[in-house]
C-alpha atoms as a PDB file:
ATOM      1  CA  MET A   1      31.146  10.441  -0.480  1.00  0.00           C
ATOM      2  CA  LYS A   2      29.331  10.208   2.844  1.00  0.00           C
ATOM      3  CA  GLU A   3      29.119   6.746   4.425  1.00  0.00           C
ATOM      4  CA  THR A   4      25.552   5.533   5.720  1.00  0.00           C
ATOM      5  CA  GLU A   5      25.017   3.143   8.314  1.00  0.00           C
ATOM      6  CA  LEU A   6      22.412   0.794   7.849  1.00  0.00           C
ATOM      7  CA  ASP A   7      20.175  -0.417  10.598  1.00  0.00           C
ATOM      8  CA  ILE A   8      19.048  -3.991   9.935  1.00  0.00           C
ATOM      9  CA  VAL A   9      15.907  -3.854  12.235  1.00  0.00           C
ATOM     10  CA  LYS A  10      14.681  -0.631  10.350  1.00  0.00           C
ATOM     11  CA  LEU A  11      15.540  -2.069   7.128  1.00  0.00           C
ATOM     12  CA  GLU A  12      13.495  -5.237   7.832  1.00  0.00           C
ATOM     13  CA  ALA A  13      10.526  -3.204   9.086  1.00  0.00           C
ATOM     14  CA  ALA A  14      10.720  -1.169   5.952  1.00  0.00           C
ATOM     15  CA  SER A  15      10.770  -4.257   3.872  1.00  0.00           C
ATOM     16  CA  SER A  16       7.791  -5.834   5.545  1.00  0.00           C
ATOM     17  CA  LYS A  17       5.779  -2.512   5.066  1.00  0.00           C
ATOM     18  CA  LEU A  18       6.766  -2.361   1.411  1.00  0.00           C
ATOM     19  CA  ARG A  19       5.695  -6.109   0.897  1.00  0.00           C
ATOM     20  CA  ALA A  20       2.325  -5.631   2.498  1.00  0.00           C
ATOM     21  CA  MET A  21       1.698  -2.412   0.459  1.00  0.00           C
ATOM     22  CA  ALA A  22       2.502  -4.247  -2.695  1.00  0.00           C
ATOM     23  CA  HIS A  23       0.346  -7.363  -1.828  1.00  0.00           C
ATOM     24  CA  PRO A  24      -1.440  -8.447  -4.869  1.00  0.00           C
ATOM     25  CA  MET A  25      -4.723  -8.747  -3.113  1.00  0.00           C
ATOM     26  CA  ARG A  26      -4.306  -5.194  -1.802  1.00  0.00           C
ATOM     27  CA  ILE A  27      -3.683  -3.879  -5.286  1.00  0.00           C
ATOM     28  CA  ALA A  28      -6.627  -5.678  -6.699  1.00  0.00           C
ATOM     29  CA  ILE A  29      -8.968  -4.107  -4.258  1.00  0.00           C
ATOM     30  CA  ILE A  30      -7.479  -0.642  -4.804  1.00  0.00           C
ATOM     31  CA  ASP A  31      -8.249  -1.154  -8.483  1.00  0.00           C
ATOM     32  CA  LEU A  32     -11.658  -2.176  -7.807  1.00  0.00           C
ATOM     33  CA  LEU A  33     -12.186   0.854  -5.800  1.00  0.00           C
ATOM     34  CA  ARG A  34     -10.940   3.003  -8.290  1.00  0.00           C
ATOM     35  CA  HIS A  35     -12.968   1.150 -10.921  1.00  0.00           C
ATOM     36  CA  PHE A  36     -16.483   1.480  -8.811  1.00  0.00           C
ATOM     37  CA  GLN A  37     -15.589   4.833  -7.118  1.00  0.00           C
ATOM     38  CA  LYS A  38     -18.557   6.697  -8.376  1.00  0.00           C
ATOM     39  CA  ARG A  39     -20.940   3.853  -7.482  1.00  0.00           C
ATOM     40  CA  LEU A  40     -19.463   3.550  -4.003  1.00  0.00           C
ATOM     41  CA  LYS A  41     -20.057   7.019  -3.366  1.00  0.00           C
ATOM     42  CA  TYR A  42     -23.636   7.004  -4.515  1.00  0.00           C
ATOM     43  CA  LEU A  43     -24.132   3.951  -2.074  1.00  0.00           C
ATOM     44  CA  ILE A  44     -22.332   5.420   0.660  1.00  0.00           C
ATOM     45  CA  TYR A  45     -24.252   8.628   0.408  1.00  0.00           C
ATOM     46  CA  LYS A  46     -27.674   7.017  -0.205  1.00  0.00           C
END
């Protein structure tokens, strides 16, 4: 098996990005945007 070196700084940066992406408020906003997608398109193009 190949041994892999772990870079702590890179792991911490990746962890921070994943936490931000999985933030409950961000997920709620994405769900709202999906739900109201047609209405938003209409309002944007109006």
